[in-house]
């Protein structure tokens, strides 16, 4: 395995304009092993995607293209507890009912194919709530893992109404942290969900942020994940 410094040195000899195939060819021509080439290509693609030159293991994990970040291979277990993590509406088509229903449809299709014992949703706007809606429509037991009381207070009125209507239909509600808003409570909620789940169902475009942090924690805990973002891209 290459160190971050060694990866940076390798990238100095690879133009940022190179595509993935040419990057592989250059790395191999320099005598790098398969695993080292994998690291270099991941970092190179991260640079192309994010416009950054400084790389480390976290960058390769969080920003590399999907083919270099394969989820832990596993068979979806029967009677699974599934936690979800994903983006807010701005990254998933906006706040329209049409955009929301598209996400719900993706979640429904997945859970019809792989019905879980329990779904855990953090109830953020976007993917979290779409999964909760799918659970309601399919009559699957689900838990609302609320990071703190009043997380919806800063949202538009319509979003607050939808949130409270769905909460009223949750099988159970867990408030993970006491008190009001604090940024760390979002990650605390993520960790609670990961620790309780069999695996994670993600809607992740590979960008940094709360979803990436949740995926990173899941990997640290040895929890597999499935990313449905490619399915979303097929529908837009």
C-alpha atoms as a PDB file:
ATOM      1  CA  UNK A   1       0.000   0.000   0.000  1.00  0.00           C
ATOM      2  CA  UNK A   2       1.200   3.493  -0.866  1.00  0.00           C
ATOM      3  CA  UNK A   3       1.326   6.308   1.656  1.00  0.00           C
ATOM      4  CA  UNK A   4      -0.470   9.591   0.997  1.00  0.00           C
ATOM      5  CA  UNK A   5       2.874  11.198   0.131  1.00  0.00           C
ATOM      6  CA  UNK A   6       3.689   8.460  -2.369  1.00  0.00           C
ATOM      7  CA  UNK A   7       0.258   8.796  -3.975  1.00  0.00           C
ATOM      8  CA  UNK A   8       0.776  12.541  -4.286  1.00  0.00           C
ATOM      9  CA  UNK A   9       4.151  11.964  -5.952  1.00  0.00           C
ATOM     10  CA  UNK A  10       2.558   9.534  -8.398  1.00  0.00           C
ATOM     11  CA  UNK A  11      -0.155  12.044  -9.278  1.00  0.00           C
ATOM     12  CA  UNK A  12       2.490  14.660 -10.040  1.00  0.00           C
ATOM     13  CA  UNK A  13       3.363  12.550 -13.099  1.00  0.00           C
ATOM     14  CA  UNK A  14      -0.228  12.099 -14.261  1.00  0.00           C
ATOM     15  CA  UNK A  15      -2.103  14.919 -15.965  1.00  0.00           C
ATOM     16  CA  UNK A  16      -5.429  15.808 -14.368  1.00  0.00           C
ATOM     17  CA  UNK A  17      -6.946  15.600 -17.868  1.00  0.00           C
ATOM     18  CA  UNK A  18      -6.204  11.893 -18.273  1.00  0.00           C
ATOM     19  CA  UNK A  19      -9.162   9.529 -18.272  1.00  0.00           C
ATOM     20  CA  UNK A  20      -9.290   6.470 -16.047  1.00  0.00           C
ATOM     21  CA  UNK A  21      -7.912   4.040 -18.647  1.00  0.00           C
ATOM     22  CA  UNK A  22      -4.927   6.199 -19.493  1.00  0.00           C
ATOM     23  CA  UNK A  23      -4.206   6.720 -15.798  1.00  0.00           C
ATOM     24  CA  UNK A  24      -4.091   2.943 -15.336  1.00  0.00           C
ATOM     25  CA  UNK A  25      -1.733   2.596 -18.273  1.00  0.00           C
ATOM     26  CA  UNK A  26       0.621   5.253 -16.922  1.00  0.00           C
ATOM     27  CA  UNK A  27       0.632   3.733 -13.411  1.00  0.00           C
ATOM     28  CA  UNK A  28       1.402   0.271 -14.756  1.00  0.00           C
ATOM     29  CA  UNK A  29       4.142   1.634 -16.982  1.00  0.00           C
ATOM     30  CA  UNK A  30       5.790   3.052 -13.856  1.00  0.00           C
ATOM     31  CA  UNK A  31       5.888  -0.427 -12.297  1.00  0.00           C
ATOM     32  CA  UNK A  32       3.163  -0.011  -9.679  1.00  0.00           C
ATOM     33  CA  UNK A  33       1.430  -3.152  -8.441  1.00  0.00           C
ATOM     34  CA  UNK A  34      -2.275  -3.791  -8.989  1.00  0.00           C
ATOM     35  CA  UNK A  35      -3.197  -2.567  -5.517  1.00  0.00           C
ATOM     36  CA  UNK A  36      -0.974   0.498  -5.871  1.00  0.00           C
ATOM     37  CA  UNK A  37      -2.476   1.259  -9.271  1.00  0.00           C
ATOM     38  CA  UNK A  38      -5.915   0.963  -7.706  1.00  0.00           C
ATOM     39  CA  UNK A  39      -4.933   3.574  -5.100  1.00  0.00           C
ATOM     40  CA  UNK A  40      -3.477   5.938  -7.690  1.00  0.00           C
ATOM     41  CA  UNK A  41      -6.490   5.669  -9.994  1.00  0.00           C
ATOM     42  CA  UNK A  42      -8.898   6.257  -7.112  1.00  0.00           C
ATOM     43  CA  UNK A  43      -6.990   9.364  -6.070  1.00  0.00           C
ATOM     44  CA  UNK A  44      -6.728  10.585  -9.667  1.00  0.00           C
ATOM     45  CA  UNK A  45     -10.460  10.246 -10.229  1.00  0.00           C
ATOM     46  CA  UNK A  46     -11.082  11.969  -6.912  1.00  0.00           C
ATOM     47  CA  UNK A  47      -8.975  14.854  -8.170  1.00  0.00           C
ATOM     48  CA  UNK A  48     -11.006  15.018 -11.386  1.00  0.00           C
ATOM     49  CA  UNK A  49     -14.313  14.851  -9.515  1.00  0.00           C
ATOM     50  CA  UNK A  50     -13.475  17.262  -6.747  1.00  0.00           C
ATOM     51  CA  UNK A  51     -10.724  19.425  -8.210  1.00  0.00           C
ATOM     52  CA  UNK A  52      -8.378  18.646  -5.343  1.00  0.00           C
ATOM     53  CA  UNK A  53      -4.757  17.542  -5.430  1.00  0.00           C
ATOM     54  CA  UNK A  54      -4.139  16.704  -1.781  1.00  0.00           C
ATOM     55  CA  UNK A  55      -5.187  13.097  -1.187  1.00  0.00           C
ATOM     56  CA  UNK A  56      -5.292  10.629   1.647  1.00  0.00           C
ATOM     57  CA  UNK A  57      -7.116   7.425   2.544  1.00  0.00           C
ATOM     58  CA  UNK A  58     -10.317   9.279   3.454  1.00  0.00           C
ATOM     59  CA  UNK A  59     -10.359  11.067   0.114  1.00  0.00           C
ATOM     60  CA  UNK A  60     -10.005   7.782  -1.724  1.00  0.00           C
ATOM     61  CA  UNK A  61     -12.809   6.255   0.317  1.00  0.00           C
ATOM     62  CA  UNK A  62     -15.219   9.162   0.086  1.00  0.00           C
ATOM     63  CA  UNK A  63     -14.637  10.648  -3.341  1.00  0.00           C
ATOM     64  CA  UNK A  64     -13.346   7.948  -5.654  1.00  0.00           C
ATOM     65  CA  UNK A  65     -15.679   6.751  -8.434  1.00  0.00           C
ATOM     66  CA  UNK A  66     -18.072   4.010  -7.497  1.00  0.00           C
ATOM     67  CA  UNK A  67     -16.204   1.223  -9.256  1.00  0.00           C
ATOM     68  CA  UNK A  68     -13.311   1.785  -6.827  1.00  0.00           C
ATOM     69  CA  UNK A  69     -15.482   1.786  -3.704  1.00  0.00           C
ATOM     70  CA  UNK A  70     -17.262  -1.506  -3.903  1.00  0.00           C
ATOM     71  CA  UNK A  71     -19.542  -2.152  -0.925  1.00  0.00           C
ATOM     72  CA  UNK A  72     -18.616  -5.091   1.285  1.00  0.00           C
ATOM     73  CA  UNK A  73     -19.849  -8.176  -0.619  1.00  0.00           C
ATOM     74  CA  UNK A  74     -22.752  -9.828   1.162  1.00  0.00           C
ATOM     75  CA  UNK A  75     -26.072 -11.510   0.659  1.00  0.00           C
ATOM     76  CA  UNK A  76     -29.013  -9.477   1.901  1.00  0.00           C
ATOM     77  CA  UNK A  77     -30.096 -11.388   5.013  1.00  0.00           C
ATOM     78  CA  UNK A  78     -33.638 -12.383   5.858  1.00  0.00           C
ATOM     79  CA  UNK A  79     -35.148 -10.522   8.800  1.00  0.00           C
ATOM     80  CA  UNK A  80     -32.654  -7.686   8.334  1.00  0.00           C
ATOM     81  CA  UNK A  81     -32.676  -4.356  10.143  1.00  0.00           C
ATOM     82  CA  UNK A  82     -31.928  -1.712   7.514  1.00  0.00           C
ATOM     83  CA  UNK A  83     -30.787   1.816   8.297  1.00  0.00           C
ATOM     84  CA  UNK A  84     -30.763   4.477   5.609  1.00  0.00           C
ATOM     85  CA  UNK A  85     -28.504   7.376   4.782  1.00  0.00           C
ATOM     86  CA  UNK A  86     -28.708   9.749   1.872  1.00  0.00           C
ATOM     87  CA  UNK A  87     -28.807  13.245   0.520  1.00  0.00           C
ATOM     88  CA  UNK A  88     -31.156  16.146   1.098  1.00  0.00           C
ATOM     89  CA  UNK A  89     -33.475  17.363  -1.701  1.00  0.00           C
ATOM     90  CA  UNK A  90     -31.040  19.816  -3.366  1.00  0.00           C
ATOM     91  CA  UNK A  91     -28.898  16.862  -4.498  1.00  0.00           C
ATOM     92  CA  UNK A  92     -31.891  14.706  -5.403  1.00  0.00           C
ATOM     93  CA  UNK A  93     -34.002  16.769  -7.759  1.00  0.00           C
ATOM     94  CA  UNK A  94     -35.342  19.414  -5.396  1.00  0.00           C
ATOM     95  CA  UNK A  95     -38.362  19.764  -3.138  1.00  0.00           C
ATOM     96  CA  UNK A  96     -41.167  18.981  -5.583  1.00  0.00           C
ATOM     97  CA  UNK A  97     -43.670  16.192  -5.015  1.00  0.00           C
ATOM     98  CA  UNK A  98     -42.465  14.614  -8.264  1.00  0.00           C
ATOM     99  CA  UNK A  99     -38.873  14.439  -7.022  1.00  0.00           C
ATOM    100  CA  UNK A 100     -40.031  12.974  -3.704  1.00  0.00           C
ATOM    101  CA  UNK A 101     -42.212  10.335  -5.354  1.00  0.00           C
ATOM    102  CA  UNK A 102     -39.290   9.274  -7.547  1.00  0.00           C
ATOM    103  CA  UNK A 103     -37.247   8.526  -4.423  1.00  0.00           C
ATOM    104  CA  UNK A 104     -40.179   6.742  -2.800  1.00  0.00           C
ATOM    105  CA  UNK A 105     -40.530   4.574  -5.909  1.00  0.00           C
ATOM    106  CA  UNK A 106     -36.864   3.556  -5.755  1.00  0.00           C
ATOM    107  CA  UNK A 107     -37.211   2.637  -2.083  1.00  0.00           C
ATOM    108  CA  UNK A 108     -40.461   0.728  -2.667  1.00  0.00           C
ATOM    109  CA  UNK A 109     -38.978  -1.324  -5.490  1.00  0.00           C
ATOM    110  CA  UNK A 110     -36.003  -2.261  -3.338  1.00  0.00           C
ATOM    111  CA  UNK A 111     -38.045  -3.271  -0.297  1.00  0.00           C
ATOM    112  CA  UNK A 112     -40.469  -5.324  -2.382  1.00  0.00           C
ATOM    113  CA  UNK A 113     -37.469  -7.301  -3.619  1.00  0.00           C
ATOM    114  CA  UNK A 114     -35.703  -7.426  -0.232  1.00  0.00           C
ATOM    115  CA  UNK A 115     -38.271  -6.983   2.547  1.00  0.00           C
ATOM    116  CA  UNK A 116     -36.598  -6.216   5.900  1.00  0.00           C
ATOM    117  CA  UNK A 117     -37.759  -6.879   9.427  1.00  0.00           C
ATOM    118  CA  UNK A 118     -37.307  -3.225  10.376  1.00  0.00           C
ATOM    119  CA  UNK A 119     -36.309   0.026   8.673  1.00  0.00           C
ATOM    120  CA  UNK A 120     -34.593   2.824  10.605  1.00  0.00           C
ATOM    121  CA  UNK A 121     -34.840   6.338   9.174  1.00  0.00           C
ATOM    122  CA  UNK A 122     -33.157   9.461  10.520  1.00  0.00           C
ATOM    123  CA  UNK A 123     -36.091  11.458   9.085  1.00  0.00           C
ATOM    124  CA  UNK A 124     -34.029  14.153   7.391  1.00  0.00           C
ATOM    125  CA  UNK A 125     -35.507  15.757   4.303  1.00  0.00           C
ATOM    126  CA  UNK A 126     -34.835  13.801   1.113  1.00  0.00           C
ATOM    127  CA  UNK A 127     -33.896  10.129   1.025  1.00  0.00           C
ATOM    128  CA  UNK A 128     -34.561   9.498   4.725  1.00  0.00           C
ATOM    129  CA  UNK A 129     -38.174  10.583   4.462  1.00  0.00           C
ATOM    130  CA  UNK A 130     -38.698   8.878   1.104  1.00  0.00           C
ATOM    131  CA  UNK A 131     -37.700   5.571   2.692  1.00  0.00           C
ATOM    132  CA  UNK A 132     -40.026   6.249   5.627  1.00  0.00           C
ATOM    133  CA  UNK A 133     -42.875   6.884   3.189  1.00  0.00           C
ATOM    134  CA  UNK A 134     -42.106   3.622   1.373  1.00  0.00           C
ATOM    135  CA  UNK A 135     -42.175   1.766   4.693  1.00  0.00           C
ATOM    136  CA  UNK A 136     -45.583   3.255   5.486  1.00  0.00           C
ATOM    137  CA  UNK A 137     -46.990   2.356   2.072  1.00  0.00           C
ATOM    138  CA  UNK A 138     -45.664  -1.202   2.270  1.00  0.00           C
ATOM    139  CA  UNK A 139     -46.680  -1.653   5.903  1.00  0.00           C
ATOM    140  CA  UNK A 140     -43.123  -2.451   6.963  1.00  0.00           C
ATOM    141  CA  UNK A 141     -42.262  -1.706  10.611  1.00  0.00           C
ATOM    142  CA  UNK A 142     -40.028   1.326  10.876  1.00  0.00           C
ATOM    143  CA  UNK A 143     -38.278   3.382  13.490  1.00  0.00           C
ATOM    144  CA  UNK A 144     -37.774   7.130  13.363  1.00  0.00           C
ATOM    145  CA  UNK A 145     -34.326   7.854  14.783  1.00  0.00           C
ATOM    146  CA  UNK A 146     -34.655  11.568  15.488  1.00  0.00           C
ATOM    147  CA  UNK A 147     -31.312  13.298  16.206  1.00  0.00           C
ATOM    148  CA  UNK A 148     -32.951  15.747  18.637  1.00  0.00           C
ATOM    149  CA  UNK A 149     -36.420  17.099  19.333  1.00  0.00           C
ATOM    150  CA  UNK A 150     -37.423  19.839  16.961  1.00  0.00           C
ATOM    151  CA  UNK A 151     -35.111  19.009  14.051  1.00  0.00           C
ATOM    152  CA  UNK A 152     -37.894  20.165  11.722  1.00  0.00           C
ATOM    153  CA  UNK A 153     -38.381  23.625  13.238  1.00  0.00           C
ATOM    154  CA  UNK A 154     -36.211  25.433  10.674  1.00  0.00           C
ATOM    155  CA  UNK A 155     -37.898  23.730   7.712  1.00  0.00           C
ATOM    156  CA  UNK A 156     -40.652  25.219   5.527  1.00  0.00           C
ATOM    157  CA  UNK A 157     -44.150  24.782   6.925  1.00  0.00           C
ATOM    158  CA  UNK A 158     -45.124  22.166   4.323  1.00  0.00           C
ATOM    159  CA  UNK A 159     -42.046  20.110   5.134  1.00  0.00           C
ATOM    160  CA  UNK A 160     -42.863  20.286   8.833  1.00  0.00           C
ATOM    161  CA  UNK A 161     -46.382  19.067   8.130  1.00  0.00           C
ATOM    162  CA  UNK A 162     -45.135  16.094   6.125  1.00  0.00           C
ATOM    163  CA  UNK A 163     -42.559  15.271   8.793  1.00  0.00           C
ATOM    164  CA  UNK A 164     -45.059  15.255  11.641  1.00  0.00           C
ATOM    165  CA  UNK A 165     -47.602  13.276   9.625  1.00  0.00           C
ATOM    166  CA  UNK A 166     -45.026  10.551   8.957  1.00  0.00           C
ATOM    167  CA  UNK A 167     -43.796  10.547  12.558  1.00  0.00           C
ATOM    168  CA  UNK A 168     -47.338   9.832  13.685  1.00  0.00           C
ATOM    169  CA  UNK A 169     -47.210   6.612  11.627  1.00  0.00           C
ATOM    170  CA  UNK A 170     -43.826   5.378  12.850  1.00  0.00           C
ATOM    171  CA  UNK A 171     -43.767   2.027  14.613  1.00  0.00           C
ATOM    172  CA  UNK A 172     -41.443   3.618  17.168  1.00  0.00           C
ATOM    173  CA  UNK A 173     -39.621   6.909  17.712  1.00  0.00           C
ATOM    174  CA  UNK A 174     -36.196   7.246  19.322  1.00  0.00           C
ATOM    175  CA  UNK A 175     -34.770  10.676  20.153  1.00  0.00           C
ATOM    176  CA  UNK A 176     -31.043   9.991  20.061  1.00  0.00           C
ATOM    177  CA  UNK A 177     -29.755  13.130  21.833  1.00  0.00           C
ATOM    178  CA  UNK A 178     -31.245  15.488  24.396  1.00  0.00           C
ATOM    179  CA  UNK A 179     -31.491  19.227  23.875  1.00  0.00           C
ATOM    180  CA  UNK A 180     -31.646  21.279  20.695  1.00  0.00           C
ATOM    181  CA  UNK A 181     -29.613  21.486  17.540  1.00  0.00           C
ATOM    182  CA  UNK A 182     -25.895  20.744  17.431  1.00  0.00           C
ATOM    183  CA  UNK A 183     -24.080  19.542  14.314  1.00  0.00           C
ATOM    184  CA  UNK A 184     -22.482  16.588  16.113  1.00  0.00           C
ATOM    185  CA  UNK A 185     -25.913  15.199  16.943  1.00  0.00           C
ATOM    186  CA  UNK A 186     -26.453  14.345  13.278  1.00  0.00           C
ATOM    187  CA  UNK A 187     -23.434  12.045  13.303  1.00  0.00           C
ATOM    188  CA  UNK A 188     -24.455  10.671  16.702  1.00  0.00           C
ATOM    189  CA  UNK A 189     -27.790   9.736  15.107  1.00  0.00           C
ATOM    190  CA  UNK A 190     -25.953   8.109  12.197  1.00  0.00           C
ATOM    191  CA  UNK A 191     -23.813   6.054  14.548  1.00  0.00           C
ATOM    192  CA  UNK A 192     -26.851   4.917  16.511  1.00  0.00           C
ATOM    193  CA  UNK A 193     -28.513   3.701  13.302  1.00  0.00           C
ATOM    194  CA  UNK A 194     -25.425   1.950  11.965  1.00  0.00           C
ATOM    195  CA  UNK A 195     -24.784   0.181  15.267  1.00  0.00           C
ATOM    196  CA  UNK A 196     -28.354  -1.129  15.356  1.00  0.00           C
ATOM    197  CA  UNK A 197     -28.601  -2.233  11.724  1.00  0.00           C
ATOM    198  CA  UNK A 198     -27.682  -5.285   9.674  1.00  0.00           C
ATOM    199  CA  UNK A 199     -26.673  -3.104   6.734  1.00  0.00           C
ATOM    200  CA  UNK A 200     -27.077   0.394   5.307  1.00  0.00           C
ATOM    201  CA  UNK A 201     -29.182   1.438   2.316  1.00  0.00           C
ATOM    202  CA  UNK A 202     -27.637   4.587   0.861  1.00  0.00           C
ATOM    203  CA  UNK A 203     -28.491   7.243  -1.688  1.00  0.00           C
ATOM    204  CA  UNK A 204     -24.996   8.683  -2.104  1.00  0.00           C
ATOM    205  CA  UNK A 205     -23.448  10.575  -5.008  1.00  0.00           C
ATOM    206  CA  UNK A 206     -19.955  10.108  -3.505  1.00  0.00           C
ATOM    207  CA  UNK A 207     -19.709  13.725  -2.358  1.00  0.00           C
ATOM    208  CA  UNK A 208     -18.533  14.677   1.128  1.00  0.00           C
ATOM    209  CA  UNK A 209     -20.910  15.472   3.970  1.00  0.00           C
ATOM    210  CA  UNK A 210     -23.146  13.664   6.417  1.00  0.00           C
ATOM    211  CA  UNK A 211     -23.923  10.743   4.109  1.00  0.00           C
ATOM    212  CA  UNK A 212     -20.231  10.154   3.446  1.00  0.00           C
ATOM    213  CA  UNK A 213     -19.526  10.323   7.177  1.00  0.00           C
ATOM    214  CA  UNK A 214     -22.207   7.706   7.817  1.00  0.00           C
ATOM    215  CA  UNK A 215     -20.764   5.390   5.153  1.00  0.00           C
ATOM    216  CA  UNK A 216     -17.292   5.808   6.589  1.00  0.00           C
ATOM    217  CA  UNK A 217     -18.538   4.902  10.068  1.00  0.00           C
ATOM    218  CA  UNK A 218     -20.372   1.872   8.688  1.00  0.00           C
ATOM    219  CA  UNK A 219     -17.180   0.645   7.039  1.00  0.00           C
ATOM    220  CA  UNK A 220     -15.260   1.175  10.281  1.00  0.00           C
ATOM    221  CA  UNK A 221     -17.859  -0.945  12.058  1.00  0.00           C
ATOM    222  CA  UNK A 222     -17.763  -3.640   9.382  1.00  0.00           C
ATOM    223  CA  UNK A 223     -21.352  -3.004   8.286  1.00  0.00           C
ATOM    224  CA  UNK A 224     -22.106  -3.546   4.584  1.00  0.00           C
ATOM    225  CA  UNK A 225     -23.959  -0.987   2.520  1.00  0.00           C
ATOM    226  CA  UNK A 226     -25.872  -0.818  -0.743  1.00  0.00           C
ATOM    227  CA  UNK A 227     -25.825   2.413  -2.740  1.00  0.00           C
ATOM    228  CA  UNK A 228     -28.911   3.030  -4.906  1.00  0.00           C
ATOM    229  CA  UNK A 229     -27.649   6.257  -6.463  1.00  0.00           C
ATOM    230  CA  UNK A 230     -27.079   4.601  -9.851  1.00  0.00           C
ATOM    231  CA  UNK A 231     -30.736   3.641  -9.863  1.00  0.00           C
ATOM    232  CA  UNK A 232     -31.646   7.276  -9.196  1.00  0.00           C
ATOM    233  CA  UNK A 233     -29.448   8.432 -12.077  1.00  0.00           C
ATOM    234  CA  UNK A 234     -31.283   6.050 -14.399  1.00  0.00           C
ATOM    235  CA  UNK A 235     -34.556   7.825 -13.631  1.00  0.00           C
ATOM    236  CA  UNK A 236     -33.445  11.420 -14.098  1.00  0.00           C
END
